[in-house]
Amino acid sequence: MSTRRTNPDFLNGVPELVVLELLSRRAMYGYEIVQAIQEQSGGVLGFGEGCVYPLLHKLEERGQLASQRVAFGGRSRVVYRVTTPGKSRLAETATEWRRIAASIQGILQGGDHALVPVHERKAG
């Protein structure tokens, strides 16, 4: 019997990007973030609570998130929101992700740049 890994190793850094993006749209509590990742990725990404909660704490320690305890239906939940430094980090990370994704896509499609070593390319 084989077990399927939830996310491949090359997704390092993606949980941070995804969490910052989701929280830039609206404040959420931890489990709500886990569910939003699953739903909005069409089930492709599965970052569980064991990944998301430590990340939330790390981002809060860096000042990129702020939290507030809020009462919901008789229960208390910690709700997170992105701060100004978090928005800056999101912009940097999203730009880098787009650049890397475009490069990988070019290689997968067999683009010209994939065949010519960087040191042999002519400048524009």
PDB file of N, CA and C in Angstrom:
ATOM      1  N   MET A   1       0.846  -1.190   0.000  1.00  0.00           N
ATOM      2  CA  MET A   1       0.000   0.000   0.000  1.00  0.00           C
ATOM      3  C   MET A   1       0.886   1.246   0.000  1.00  0.00           C
ATOM      4  N   SER A   2       0.652   2.141  -0.938  1.00  0.00           N
ATOM      5  CA  SER A   2       1.463   3.365  -1.003  1.00  0.00           C
ATOM      6  C   SER A   2       0.681   4.537  -0.424  1.00  0.00           C
ATOM      7  N   THR A   3       1.429   5.459   0.131  1.00  0.00           N
ATOM      8  CA  THR A   3       0.792   6.663   0.659  1.00  0.00           C
ATOM      9  C   THR A   3       1.156   7.824  -0.243  1.00  0.00           C
ATOM     10  N   ARG A   4       0.225   8.676  -0.476  1.00  0.00           N
ATOM     11  CA  ARG A   4       0.435   9.837  -1.338  1.00  0.00           C
ATOM     12  C   ARG A   4       0.832  11.015  -0.470  1.00  0.00           C
ATOM     13  N   ARG A   5       1.938  11.646  -0.803  1.00  0.00           N
ATOM     14  CA  ARG A   5       2.340  12.853  -0.096  1.00  0.00           C
ATOM     15  C   ARG A   5       1.413  13.976  -0.495  1.00  0.00           C
ATOM     16  N   THR A   6       1.095  14.817   0.462  1.00  0.00           N
ATOM     17  CA  THR A   6       0.167  15.906   0.194  1.00  0.00           C
ATOM     18  C   THR A   6       0.749  16.930  -0.765  1.00  0.00           C
ATOM     19  N   ASN A   7       1.968  17.375  -0.525  1.00  0.00           N
ATOM     20  CA  ASN A   7       2.587  18.420  -1.334  1.00  0.00           C
ATOM     21  C   ASN A   7       4.026  18.043  -1.649  1.00  0.00           C
ATOM     22  N   PRO A   8       4.454  18.240  -2.877  1.00  0.00           N
ATOM     23  CA  PRO A   8       5.843  17.933  -3.225  1.00  0.00           C
ATOM     24  C   PRO A   8       6.829  18.862  -2.531  1.00  0.00           C
ATOM     25  N   ASP A   9       8.080  18.405  -2.414  1.00  0.00           N
ATOM     26  CA  ASP A   9       9.118  19.181  -1.735  1.00  0.00           C
ATOM     27  C   ASP A   9       9.364  20.545  -2.362  1.00  0.00           C
ATOM     28  N   PHE A  10       9.157  20.682  -3.667  1.00  0.00           N
ATOM     29  CA  PHE A  10       9.472  21.954  -4.318  1.00  0.00           C
ATOM     30  C   PHE A  10       8.510  23.076  -3.933  1.00  0.00           C
ATOM     31  N   LEU A  11       7.532  22.801  -3.112  1.00  0.00           N
ATOM     32  CA  LEU A  11       6.597  23.845  -2.693  1.00  0.00           C
ATOM     33  C   LEU A  11       7.080  24.619  -1.466  1.00  0.00           C
ATOM     34  N   ASN A  12       8.340  24.449  -1.068  1.00  0.00           N
ATOM     35  CA  ASN A  12       8.875  25.232   0.050  1.00  0.00           C
ATOM     36  C   ASN A  12       8.681  26.716  -0.243  1.00  0.00           C
ATOM     37  N   GLY A  13       8.185  27.452   0.730  1.00  0.00           N
ATOM     38  CA  GLY A  13       7.934  28.880   0.545  1.00  0.00           C
ATOM     39  C   GLY A  13       6.534  29.200   0.070  1.00  0.00           C
ATOM     40  N   VAL A  14       5.865  28.240  -0.545  1.00  0.00           N
ATOM     41  CA  VAL A  14       4.521  28.481  -1.061  1.00  0.00           C
ATOM     42  C   VAL A  14       3.501  28.685   0.064  1.00  0.00           C
ATOM     43  N   PRO A  15       3.568  27.940   1.176  1.00  0.00           N
ATOM     44  CA  PRO A  15       2.590  28.200   2.243  1.00  0.00           C
ATOM     45  C   PRO A  15       2.590  29.654   2.695  1.00  0.00           C
ATOM     46  N   GLU A  16       3.769  30.257   2.829  1.00  0.00           N
ATOM     47  CA  GLU A  16       3.846  31.663   3.240  1.00  0.00           C
ATOM     48  C   GLU A  16       3.152  32.556   2.219  1.00  0.00           C
ATOM     49  N   LEU A  17       3.448  32.349   0.957  1.00  0.00           N
ATOM     50  CA  LEU A  17       2.837  33.143  -0.109  1.00  0.00           C
ATOM     51  C   LEU A  17       1.317  33.004  -0.084  1.00  0.00           C
ATOM     52  N   VAL A  18       0.836  31.792   0.023  1.00  0.00           N
ATOM     53  CA  VAL A  18      -0.602  31.529  -0.008  1.00  0.00           C
ATOM     54  C   VAL A  18      -1.298  32.128   1.218  1.00  0.00           C
ATOM     55  N   VAL A  19      -0.704  31.949   2.384  1.00  0.00           N
ATOM     56  CA  VAL A  19      -1.304  32.490   3.612  1.00  0.00           C
ATOM     57  C   VAL A  19      -1.350  34.015   3.556  1.00  0.00           C
ATOM     58  N   LEU A  20      -0.261  34.646   3.151  1.00  0.00           N
ATOM     59  CA  LEU A  20      -0.268  36.109   3.052  1.00  0.00           C
ATOM     60  C   LEU A  20      -1.300  36.595   2.039  1.00  0.00           C
ATOM     61  N   GLU A  21      -1.412  35.902   0.908  1.00  0.00           N
ATOM     62  CA  GLU A  21      -2.402  36.301  -0.098  1.00  0.00           C
ATOM     63  C   GLU A  21      -3.819  36.186   0.445  1.00  0.00           C
ATOM     64  N   LEU A  22      -4.142  35.063   1.054  1.00  0.00           N
ATOM     65  CA  LEU A  22      -5.496  34.881   1.592  1.00  0.00           C
ATOM     66  C   LEU A  22      -5.817  35.909   2.665  1.00  0.00           C
ATOM     67  N   LEU A  23      -4.859  36.176   3.535  1.00  0.00           N
ATOM     68  CA  LEU A  23      -5.100  37.143   4.609  1.00  0.00           C
ATOM     69  C   LEU A  23      -5.071  38.582   4.115  1.00  0.00           C
ATOM     70  N   SER A  24      -4.514  38.826   2.939  1.00  0.00           N
ATOM     71  CA  SER A  24      -4.578  40.177   2.378  1.00  0.00           C
ATOM     72  C   SER A  24      -5.991  40.484   1.893  1.00  0.00           C
ATOM     73  N   ARG A  25      -6.753  39.445   1.626  1.00  0.00           N
ATOM     74  CA  ARG A  25      -8.134  39.613   1.166  1.00  0.00           C
ATOM     75  C   ARG A  25      -9.104  39.855   2.313  1.00  0.00           C
ATOM     76  N   ARG A  26      -8.869  39.140   3.419  1.00  0.00           N
ATOM     77  CA  ARG A  26      -9.716  39.325   4.611  1.00  0.00           C
ATOM     78  C   ARG A  26      -9.085  38.621   5.799  1.00  0.00           C
ATOM     79  N   ALA A  27      -9.413  39.067   6.993  1.00  0.00           N
ATOM     80  CA  ALA A  27      -8.918  38.444   8.217  1.00  0.00           C
ATOM     81  C   ALA A  27      -9.563  37.068   8.386  1.00  0.00           C
ATOM     82  N   MET A  28      -8.795  36.110   8.892  1.00  0.00           N
ATOM     83  CA  MET A  28      -9.295  34.753   9.107  1.00  0.00           C
ATOM     84  C   MET A  28      -8.615  34.130  10.315  1.00  0.00           C
ATOM     85  N   TYR A  29      -9.221  33.088  10.852  1.00  0.00           N
ATOM     86  CA  TYR A  29      -8.592  32.301  11.912  1.00  0.00           C
ATOM     87  C   TYR A  29      -7.924  31.082  11.271  1.00  0.00           C
ATOM     88  N   GLY A  30      -7.061  30.420  12.019  1.00  0.00           N
ATOM     89  CA  GLY A  30      -6.211  29.367  11.498  1.00  0.00           C
ATOM     90  C   GLY A  30      -6.903  28.274  10.705  1.00  0.00           C
ATOM     91  N   TYR A  31      -7.880  27.624  11.298  1.00  0.00           N
ATOM     92  CA  TYR A  31      -8.535  26.521  10.599  1.00  0.00           C
ATOM     93  C   TYR A  31      -9.268  27.008   9.354  1.00  0.00           C
ATOM     94  N   GLU A  32      -9.769  28.218   9.400  1.00  0.00           N
ATOM     95  CA  GLU A  32     -10.435  28.819   8.243  1.00  0.00           C
ATOM     96  C   GLU A  32      -9.430  28.982   7.086  1.00  0.00           C
ATOM     97  N   ILE A  33      -8.186  29.318   7.422  1.00  0.00           N
ATOM     98  CA  ILE A  33      -7.135  29.432   6.415  1.00  0.00           C
ATOM     99  C   ILE A  33      -6.849  28.066   5.799  1.00  0.00           C
ATOM    100  N   VAL A  34      -6.741  27.042   6.628  1.00  0.00           N
ATOM    101  CA  VAL A  34      -6.502  25.677   6.144  1.00  0.00           C
ATOM    102  C   VAL A  34      -7.589  25.285   5.150  1.00  0.00           C
ATOM    103  N   GLN A  35      -8.839  25.544   5.498  1.00  0.00           N
ATOM    104  CA  GLN A  35      -9.964  25.215   4.613  1.00  0.00           C
ATOM    105  C   GLN A  35      -9.928  26.036   3.326  1.00  0.00           C
ATOM    106  N   ALA A  36      -9.607  27.327   3.433  1.00  0.00           N
ATOM    107  CA  ALA A  36      -9.568  28.197   2.251  1.00  0.00           C
ATOM    108  C   ALA A  36      -8.484  27.730   1.276  1.00  0.00           C
ATOM    109  N   ILE A  37      -7.344  27.306   1.797  1.00  0.00           N
ATOM    110  CA  ILE A  37      -6.270  26.808   0.922  1.00  0.00           C
ATOM    111  C   ILE A  37      -6.756  25.580   0.163  1.00  0.00           C
ATOM    112  N   GLN A  38      -7.362  24.665   0.869  1.00  0.00           N
ATOM    113  CA  GLN A  38      -7.870  23.438   0.252  1.00  0.00           C
ATOM    114  C   GLN A  38      -8.922  23.755  -0.816  1.00  0.00           C
ATOM    115  N   GLU A  39      -9.865  24.601  -0.472  1.00  0.00           N
ATOM    116  CA  GLU A  39     -10.962  24.927  -1.386  1.00  0.00           C
ATOM    117  C   GLU A  39     -10.493  25.742  -2.587  1.00  0.00           C
ATOM    118  N   GLN A  40      -9.707  26.789  -2.342  1.00  0.00           N
ATOM    119  CA  GLN A  40      -9.326  27.685  -3.432  1.00  0.00           C
ATOM    120  C   GLN A  40      -8.259  27.103  -4.351  1.00  0.00           C
ATOM    121  N   SER A  41      -7.598  26.034  -3.899  1.00  0.00           N
ATOM    122  CA  SER A  41      -6.626  25.367  -4.772  1.00  0.00           C
ATOM    123  C   SER A  41      -7.252  24.165  -5.470  1.00  0.00           C
ATOM    124  N   GLY A  42      -8.560  24.000  -5.316  1.00  0.00           N
ATOM    125  CA  GLY A  42      -9.236  22.864  -5.927  1.00  0.00           C
ATOM    126  C   GLY A  42      -8.759  21.535  -5.359  1.00  0.00           C
ATOM    127  N   GLY A  43      -8.290  21.545  -4.119  1.00  0.00           N
ATOM    128  CA  GLY A  43      -7.816  20.339  -3.469  1.00  0.00           C
ATOM    129  C   GLY A  43      -6.382  19.966  -3.815  1.00  0.00           C
ATOM    130  N   VAL A  44      -5.720  20.776  -4.626  1.00  0.00           N
ATOM    131  CA  VAL A  44      -4.341  20.478  -5.025  1.00  0.00           C
ATOM    132  C   VAL A  44      -3.370  20.716  -3.866  1.00  0.00           C
ATOM    133  N   LEU A  45      -3.560  21.811  -3.139  1.00  0.00           N
ATOM    134  CA  LEU A  45      -2.706  22.118  -1.997  1.00  0.00           C
ATOM    135  C   LEU A  45      -3.388  21.661  -0.721  1.00  0.00           C
ATOM    136  N   GLY A  46      -2.628  21.032   0.135  1.00  0.00           N
ATOM    137  CA  GLY A  46      -3.164  20.558   1.404  1.00  0.00           C
ATOM    138  C   GLY A  46      -2.240  20.896   2.543  1.00  0.00           C
ATOM    139  N   PHE A  47      -2.147  22.168   2.881  1.00  0.00           N
ATOM    140  CA  PHE A  47      -1.324  22.589   4.012  1.00  0.00           C
ATOM    141  C   PHE A  47      -2.176  22.482   5.266  1.00  0.00           C
ATOM    142  N   GLY A  48      -1.879  21.515   6.093  1.00  0.00           N
ATOM    143  CA  GLY A  48      -2.666  21.267   7.296  1.00  0.00           C
ATOM    144  C   GLY A  48      -2.328  22.215   8.422  1.00  0.00           C
ATOM    145  N   GLU A  49      -2.995  21.986   9.531  1.00  0.00           N
ATOM    146  CA  GLU A  49      -2.809  22.836  10.703  1.00  0.00           C
ATOM    147  C   GLU A  49      -1.370  22.794  11.216  1.00  0.00           C
ATOM    148  N   GLY A  50      -0.710  21.645  11.066  1.00  0.00           N
ATOM    149  CA  GLY A  50       0.671  21.509  11.513  1.00  0.00           C
ATOM    150  C   GLY A  50       1.643  22.358  10.718  1.00  0.00           C
ATOM    151  N   CYS A  51       1.239  22.776   9.544  1.00  0.00           N
ATOM    152  CA  CYS A  51       2.039  23.686   8.711  1.00  0.00           C
ATOM    153  C   CYS A  51       1.595  25.126   8.925  1.00  0.00           C
ATOM    154  N   VAL A  52       0.293  25.340   8.933  1.00  0.00           N
ATOM    155  CA  VAL A  52      -0.259  26.696   8.945  1.00  0.00           C
ATOM    156  C   VAL A  52      -0.053  27.409  10.283  1.00  0.00           C
ATOM    157  N   TYR A  53      -0.339  26.743  11.404  1.00  0.00           N
ATOM    158  CA  TYR A  53      -0.232  27.433  12.691  1.00  0.00           C
ATOM    159  C   TYR A  53       1.198  27.887  13.015  1.00  0.00           C
ATOM    160  N   PRO A  54       2.226  27.045  12.842  1.00  0.00           N
ATOM    161  CA  PRO A  54       3.584  27.548  13.074  1.00  0.00           C
ATOM    162  C   PRO A  54       3.951  28.700  12.141  1.00  0.00           C
ATOM    163  N   LEU A  55       3.466  28.645  10.909  1.00  0.00           N
ATOM    164  CA  LEU A  55       3.716  29.726   9.955  1.00  0.00           C
ATOM    165  C   LEU A  55       3.048  31.022  10.420  1.00  0.00           C
ATOM    166  N   LEU A  56       1.814  30.935  10.882  1.00  0.00           N
ATOM    167  CA  LEU A  56       1.121  32.121  11.397  1.00  0.00           C
ATOM    168  C   LEU A  56       1.905  32.754  12.539  1.00  0.00           C
ATOM    169  N   HIS A  57       2.406  31.928  13.442  1.00  0.00           N
ATOM    170  CA  HIS A  57       3.165  32.449  14.592  1.00  0.00           C
ATOM    171  C   HIS A  57       4.470  33.096  14.127  1.00  0.00           C
ATOM    172  N   LYS A  58       5.141  32.471  13.150  1.00  0.00           N
ATOM    173  CA  LYS A  58       6.395  33.022  12.624  1.00  0.00           C
ATOM    174  C   LYS A  58       6.145  34.370  11.933  1.00  0.00           C
ATOM    175  N   LEU A  59       5.099  34.443  11.108  1.00  0.00           N
ATOM    176  CA  LEU A  59       4.781  35.692  10.414  1.00  0.00           C
ATOM    177  C   LEU A  59       4.376  36.782  11.397  1.00  0.00           C
ATOM    178  N   GLU A  60       3.710  36.404  12.465  1.00  0.00           N
ATOM    179  CA  GLU A  60       3.330  37.382  13.488  1.00  0.00           C
ATOM    180  C   GLU A  60       4.581  37.876  14.226  1.00  0.00           C
ATOM    181  N   GLU A  61       5.508  36.973  14.537  1.00  0.00           N
ATOM    182  CA  GLU A  61       6.757  37.379  15.192  1.00  0.00           C
ATOM    183  C   GLU A  61       7.553  38.351  14.329  1.00  0.00           C
ATOM    184  N   ARG A  62       7.498  38.177  13.013  1.00  0.00           N
ATOM    185  CA  ARG A  62       8.194  39.062  12.073  1.00  0.00           C
ATOM    186  C   ARG A  62       7.471  40.392  11.876  1.00  0.00           C
ATOM    187  N   GLY A  63       6.258  40.504  12.410  1.00  0.00           N
ATOM    188  CA  GLY A  63       5.479  41.727  12.248  1.00  0.00           C
ATOM    189  C   GLY A  63       4.709  41.778  10.945  1.00  0.00           C
ATOM    190  N   GLN A  64       4.640  40.657  10.225  1.00  0.00           N
ATOM    191  CA  GLN A  64       3.939  40.624   8.946  1.00  0.00           C
ATOM    192  C   GLN A  64       2.457  40.285   9.100  1.00  0.00           C
ATOM    193  N   LEU A  65       2.095  39.777  10.269  1.00  0.00           N
ATOM    194  CA  LEU A  65       0.690  39.535  10.620  1.00  0.00           C
ATOM    195  C   LEU A  65       0.428  40.115  11.993  1.00  0.00           C
ATOM    196  N   ALA A  66      -0.831  40.456  12.239  1.00  0.00           N
ATOM    197  CA  ALA A  66      -1.283  40.854  13.564  1.00  0.00           C
ATOM    198  C   ALA A  66      -2.463  39.958  13.901  1.00  0.00           C
ATOM    199  N   SER A  67      -2.636  39.681  15.182  1.00  0.00           N
ATOM    200  CA  SER A  67      -3.745  38.817  15.588  1.00  0.00           C
ATOM    201  C   SER A  67      -4.585  39.493  16.654  1.00  0.00           C
ATOM    202  N   GLN A  68      -5.803  39.008  16.728  1.00  0.00           N
ATOM    203  CA  GLN A  68      -6.744  39.526  17.725  1.00  0.00           C
ATOM    204  C   GLN A  68      -7.664  38.386  18.121  1.00  0.00           C
ATOM    205  N   ARG A  69      -7.891  38.222  19.414  1.00  0.00           N
ATOM    206  CA  ARG A  69      -8.814  37.204  19.895  1.00  0.00           C
ATOM    207  C   ARG A  69     -10.235  37.753  19.770  1.00  0.00           C
ATOM    208  N   VAL A  70     -11.101  36.966  19.097  1.00  0.00           N
ATOM    209  CA  VAL A  70     -12.465  37.402  18.815  1.00  0.00           C
ATOM    210  C   VAL A  70     -13.431  36.292  19.233  1.00  0.00           C
ATOM    211  N   ALA A  71     -14.579  36.677  19.777  1.00  0.00           N
ATOM    212  CA  ALA A  71     -15.601  35.703  20.161  1.00  0.00           C
ATOM    213  C   ALA A  71     -16.473  35.369  18.957  1.00  0.00           C
ATOM    214  N   PHE A  72     -16.640  34.065  18.697  1.00  0.00           N
ATOM    215  CA  PHE A  72     -17.498  33.564  17.621  1.00  0.00           C
ATOM    216  C   PHE A  72     -18.431  32.523  18.212  1.00  0.00           C
ATOM    217  N   GLY A  73     -19.710  32.801  18.243  1.00  0.00           N
ATOM    218  CA  GLY A  73     -20.686  31.807  18.699  1.00  0.00           C
ATOM    219  C   GLY A  73     -20.333  31.155  20.020  1.00  0.00           C
ATOM    220  N   GLY A  74     -19.947  31.946  20.993  1.00  0.00           N
ATOM    221  CA  GLY A  74     -19.614  31.411  22.301  1.00  0.00           C
ATOM    222  C   GLY A  74     -18.200  30.862  22.413  1.00  0.00           C
ATOM    223  N   ARG A  75     -17.470  30.882  21.326  1.00  0.00           N
ATOM    224  CA  ARG A  75     -16.085  30.409  21.333  1.00  0.00           C
ATOM    225  C   ARG A  75     -15.153  31.579  21.056  1.00  0.00           C
ATOM    226  N   SER A  76     -13.926  31.423  21.462  1.00  0.00           N
ATOM    227  CA  SER A  76     -12.924  32.441  21.219  1.00  0.00           C
ATOM    228  C   SER A  76     -11.946  31.931  20.164  1.00  0.00           C
ATOM    229  N   ARG A  77     -11.677  32.751  19.152  1.00  0.00           N
ATOM    230  CA  ARG A  77     -10.748  32.383  18.082  1.00  0.00           C
ATOM    231  C   ARG A  77      -9.748  33.508  17.873  1.00  0.00           C
ATOM    232  N   VAL A  78      -8.558  33.128  17.452  1.00  0.00           N
ATOM    233  CA  VAL A  78      -7.529  34.113  17.119  1.00  0.00           C
ATOM    234  C   VAL A  78      -7.635  34.380  15.619  1.00  0.00           C
ATOM    235  N   VAL A  79      -7.909  35.625  15.286  1.00  0.00           N
ATOM    236  CA  VAL A  79      -8.070  36.034  13.895  1.00  0.00           C
ATOM    237  C   VAL A  79      -6.828  36.807  13.472  1.00  0.00           C
ATOM    238  N   TYR A  80      -6.320  36.479  12.282  1.00  0.00           N
ATOM    239  CA  TYR A  80      -5.096  37.091  11.767  1.00  0.00           C
ATOM    240  C   TYR A  80      -5.414  38.018  10.608  1.00  0.00           C
ATOM    241  N   ARG A  81      -4.611  39.065  10.490  1.00  0.00           N
ATOM    242  CA  ARG A  81      -4.704  39.979   9.358  1.00  0.00           C
ATOM    243  C   ARG A  81      -3.293  40.375   8.952  1.00  0.00           C
ATOM    244  N   VAL A  82      -3.140  40.777   7.698  1.00  0.00           N
ATOM    245  CA  VAL A  82      -1.833  41.183   7.177  1.00  0.00           C
ATOM    246  C   VAL A  82      -1.553  42.623   7.586  1.00  0.00           C
ATOM    247  N   THR A  83      -0.323  42.878   7.987  1.00  0.00           N
ATOM    248  CA  THR A  83       0.122  44.223   8.332  1.00  0.00           C
ATOM    249  C   THR A  83       0.787  44.859   7.100  1.00  0.00           C
ATOM    250  N   THR A  84       1.178  46.090   7.218  1.00  0.00           N
ATOM    251  CA  THR A  84       1.875  46.760   6.116  1.00  0.00           C
ATOM    252  C   THR A  84       3.171  46.028   5.736  1.00  0.00           C
ATOM    253  N   PRO A  85       4.009  45.625   6.701  1.00  0.00           N
ATOM    254  CA  PRO A  85       5.187  44.832   6.313  1.00  0.00           C
ATOM    255  C   PRO A  85       4.801  43.502   5.655  1.00  0.00           C
ATOM    256  N   GLY A  86       3.691  42.924   6.063  1.00  0.00           N
ATOM    257  CA  GLY A  86       3.220  41.690   5.445  1.00  0.00           C
ATOM    258  C   GLY A  86       2.797  41.902   4.007  1.00  0.00           C
ATOM    259  N   LYS A  87       2.188  43.041   3.741  1.00  0.00           N
ATOM    260  CA  LYS A  87       1.809  43.368   2.357  1.00  0.00           C
ATOM    261  C   LYS A  87       3.039  43.540   1.479  1.00  0.00           C
ATOM    262  N   SER A  88       4.075  44.139   2.034  1.00  0.00           N
ATOM    263  CA  SER A  88       5.335  44.292   1.294  1.00  0.00           C
ATOM    264  C   SER A  88       5.958  42.933   1.017  1.00  0.00           C
ATOM    265  N   ARG A  89       5.964  42.067   2.020  1.00  0.00           N
ATOM    266  CA  ARG A  89       6.513  40.714   1.848  1.00  0.00           C
ATOM    267  C   ARG A  89       5.714  39.946   0.806  1.00  0.00           C
ATOM    268  N   LEU A  90       4.394  40.078   0.825  1.00  0.00           N
ATOM    269  CA  LEU A  90       3.539  39.425  -0.163  1.00  0.00           C
ATOM    270  C   LEU A  90       3.888  39.898  -1.569  1.00  0.00           C
ATOM    271  N   ALA A  91       4.056  41.198  -1.757  1.00  0.00           N
ATOM    272  CA  ALA A  91       4.383  41.737  -3.077  1.00  0.00           C
ATOM    273  C   ALA A  91       5.723  41.188  -3.574  1.00  0.00           C
ATOM    274  N   GLU A  92       6.723  41.155  -2.700  1.00  0.00           N
ATOM    275  CA  GLU A  92       8.045  40.625  -3.069  1.00  0.00           C
ATOM    276  C   GLU A  92       7.948  39.144  -3.437  1.00  0.00           C
ATOM    277  N   THR A  93       7.295  38.377  -2.591  1.00  0.00           N
ATOM    278  CA  THR A  93       7.192  36.934  -2.783  1.00  0.00           C
ATOM    279  C   THR A  93       6.388  36.591  -4.028  1.00  0.00           C
ATOM    280  N   ALA A  94       5.292  37.310  -4.264  1.00  0.00           N
ATOM    281  CA  ALA A  94       4.455  37.057  -5.439  1.00  0.00           C
ATOM    282  C   ALA A  94       5.220  37.368  -6.721  1.00  0.00           C
ATOM    283  N   THR A  95       5.988  38.453  -6.712  1.00  0.00           N
ATOM    284  CA  THR A  95       6.794  38.804  -7.884  1.00  0.00           C
ATOM    285  C   THR A  95       7.824  37.716  -8.169  1.00  0.00           C
ATOM    286  N   GLU A  96       8.498  37.260  -7.138  1.00  0.00           N
ATOM    287  CA  GLU A  96       9.500  36.203  -7.299  1.00  0.00           C
ATOM    288  C   GLU A  96       8.848  34.899  -7.774  1.00  0.00           C
ATOM    289  N   TRP A  97       7.701  34.563  -7.207  1.00  0.00           N
ATOM    290  CA  TRP A  97       6.994  33.342  -7.615  1.00  0.00           C
ATOM    291  C   TRP A  97       6.614  33.410  -9.097  1.00  0.00           C
ATOM    292  N   ARG A  98       6.098  34.532  -9.543  1.00  0.00           N
ATOM    293  CA  ARG A  98       5.719  34.677 -10.958  1.00  0.00           C
ATOM    294  C   ARG A  98       6.933  34.532 -11.874  1.00  0.00           C
ATOM    295  N   ARG A  99       8.055  35.103 -11.472  1.00  0.00           N
ATOM    296  CA  ARG A  99       9.281  35.017 -12.254  1.00  0.00           C
ATOM    297  C   ARG A  99       9.762  33.570 -12.354  1.00  0.00           C
ATOM    298  N   ILE A 100       9.771  32.875 -11.242  1.00  0.00           N
ATOM    299  CA  ILE A 100      10.215  31.483 -11.213  1.00  0.00           C
ATOM    300  C   ILE A 100       9.247  30.596 -11.995  1.00  0.00           C
ATOM    301  N   ALA A 101       7.940  30.787 -11.779  1.00  0.00           N
ATOM    302  CA  ALA A 101       6.946  29.975 -12.486  1.00  0.00           C
ATOM    303  C   ALA A 101       7.046  30.165 -14.001  1.00  0.00           C
ATOM    304  N   ALA A 102       7.261  31.403 -14.447  1.00  0.00           N
ATOM    305  CA  ALA A 102       7.398  31.667 -15.880  1.00  0.00           C
ATOM    306  C   ALA A 102       8.658  30.995 -16.428  1.00  0.00           C
ATOM    307  N   SER A 103       9.737  31.015 -15.658  1.00  0.00           N
ATOM    308  CA  SER A 103      10.975  30.372 -16.088  1.00  0.00           C
ATOM    309  C   SER A 103      10.799  28.871 -16.213  1.00  0.00           C
ATOM    310  N   ILE A 104      10.162  28.269 -15.227  1.00  0.00           N
ATOM    311  CA  ILE A 104       9.925  26.828 -15.267  1.00  0.00           C
ATOM    312  C   ILE A 104       9.009  26.475 -16.427  1.00  0.00           C
ATOM    313  N   GLN A 105       7.977  27.280 -16.635  1.00  0.00           N
ATOM    314  CA  GLN A 105       7.054  27.032 -17.751  1.00  0.00           C
ATOM    315  C   GLN A 105       7.799  27.090 -19.082  1.00  0.00           C
ATOM    316  N   GLY A 106       8.708  28.055 -19.222  1.00  0.00           N
ATOM    317  CA  GLY A 106       9.504  28.152 -20.441  1.00  0.00           C
ATOM    318  C   GLY A 106      10.347  26.909 -20.671  1.00  0.00           C
ATOM    319  N   ILE A 107      10.931  26.401 -19.604  1.00  0.00           N
ATOM    320  CA  ILE A 107      11.728  25.179 -19.721  1.00  0.00           C
ATOM    321  C   ILE A 107      10.840  23.998 -20.095  1.00  0.00           C
ATOM    322  N   LEU A 108       9.705  23.869 -19.432  1.00  0.00           N
ATOM    323  CA  LEU A 108       8.798  22.750 -19.715  1.00  0.00           C
ATOM    324  C   LEU A 108       8.265  22.788 -21.141  1.00  0.00           C
ATOM    325  N   GLN A 109       8.134  23.985 -21.686  1.00  0.00           N
ATOM    326  CA  GLN A 109       7.643  24.123 -23.060  1.00  0.00           C
ATOM    327  C   GLN A 109       8.783  24.065 -24.079  1.00  0.00           C
ATOM    328  N   GLY A 110      10.014  23.920 -23.591  1.00  0.00           N
ATOM    329  CA  GLY A 110      11.149  23.807 -24.499  1.00  0.00           C
ATOM    330  C   GLY A 110      11.539  25.104 -25.155  1.00  0.00           C
ATOM    331  N   GLY A 111      11.361  26.211 -24.445  1.00  0.00           N
ATOM    332  CA  GLY A 111      11.703  27.522 -24.994  1.00  0.00           C
ATOM    333  C   GLY A 111      13.172  27.636 -25.351  1.00  0.00           C
ATOM    334  N   ASP A 112      13.498  28.603 -26.208  1.00  0.00           N
ATOM    335  CA  ASP A 112      14.861  28.824 -26.679  1.00  0.00           C
ATOM    336  C   ASP A 112      15.847  29.019 -25.530  1.00  0.00           C
ATOM    337  N   HIS A 113      15.414  29.745 -24.499  1.00  0.00           N
ATOM    338  CA  HIS A 113      16.330  30.030 -23.394  1.00  0.00           C
ATOM    339  C   HIS A 113      16.682  28.776 -22.610  1.00  0.00           C
ATOM    340  N   ALA A 114      15.830  27.760 -22.683  1.00  0.00           N
ATOM    341  CA  ALA A 114      16.106  26.528 -21.956  1.00  0.00           C
ATOM    342  C   ALA A 114      17.296  25.787 -22.552  1.00  0.00           C
ATOM    343  N   LEU A 115      17.625  26.042 -23.819  1.00  0.00           N
ATOM    344  CA  LEU A 115      18.675  25.296 -24.511  1.00  0.00           C
ATOM    345  C   LEU A 115      20.021  26.000 -24.518  1.00  0.00           C
ATOM    346  N   VAL A 116      20.038  27.298 -24.227  1.00  0.00           N
ATOM    347  CA  VAL A 116      21.281  28.072 -24.302  1.00  0.00           C
ATOM    348  C   VAL A 116      21.762  28.372 -22.887  1.00  0.00           C
ATOM    349  N   PRO A 117      22.983  27.921 -22.514  1.00  0.00           N
ATOM    350  CA  PRO A 117      23.495  28.225 -21.174  1.00  0.00           C
ATOM    351  C   PRO A 117      23.564  29.738 -20.956  1.00  0.00           C
ATOM    352  N   VAL A 118      23.319  30.157 -19.739  1.00  0.00           N
ATOM    353  CA  VAL A 118      23.274  31.578 -19.393  1.00  0.00           C
ATOM    354  C   VAL A 118      24.539  32.297 -19.838  1.00  0.00           C
ATOM    355  N   HIS A 119      25.704  31.705 -19.627  1.00  0.00           N
ATOM    356  CA  HIS A 119      26.963  32.379 -19.957  1.00  0.00           C
ATOM    357  C   HIS A 119      27.178  32.533 -21.463  1.00  0.00           C
ATOM    358  N   GLU A 120      26.366  31.845 -22.289  1.00  0.00           N
ATOM    359  CA  GLU A 120      26.505  31.943 -23.744  1.00  0.00           C
ATOM    360  C   GLU A 120      25.468  32.853 -24.383  1.00  0.00           C
ATOM    361  N   ARG A 121      24.526  33.361 -23.602  1.00  0.00           N
ATOM    362  CA  ARG A 121      23.485  34.226 -24.158  1.00  0.00           C
ATOM    363  C   ARG A 121      24.037  35.600 -24.491  1.00  0.00           C
ATOM    364  N   LYS A 122      23.508  36.184 -25.548  1.00  0.00           N
ATOM    365  CA  LYS A 122      23.877  37.554 -25.921  1.00  0.00           C
ATOM    366  C   LYS A 122      22.981  38.525 -25.194  1.00  0.00           C
ATOM    367  N   ALA A 123      23.547  39.605 -24.728  1.00  0.00           N
ATOM    368  CA  ALA A 123      22.756  40.639 -24.038  1.00  0.00           C
ATOM    369  C   ALA A 123      21.926  41.368 -25.076  1.00  0.00           C
ATOM    370  N   GLY A 124      20.657  41.724 -24.643  1.00  0.00           N
ATOM    371  CA  GLY A 124      19.635  42.326 -25.418  1.00  0.00           C
ATOM    372  C   GLY A 124      19.940  43.223 -26.475  1.00  0.00           C
TER     373      GLY A 124
END
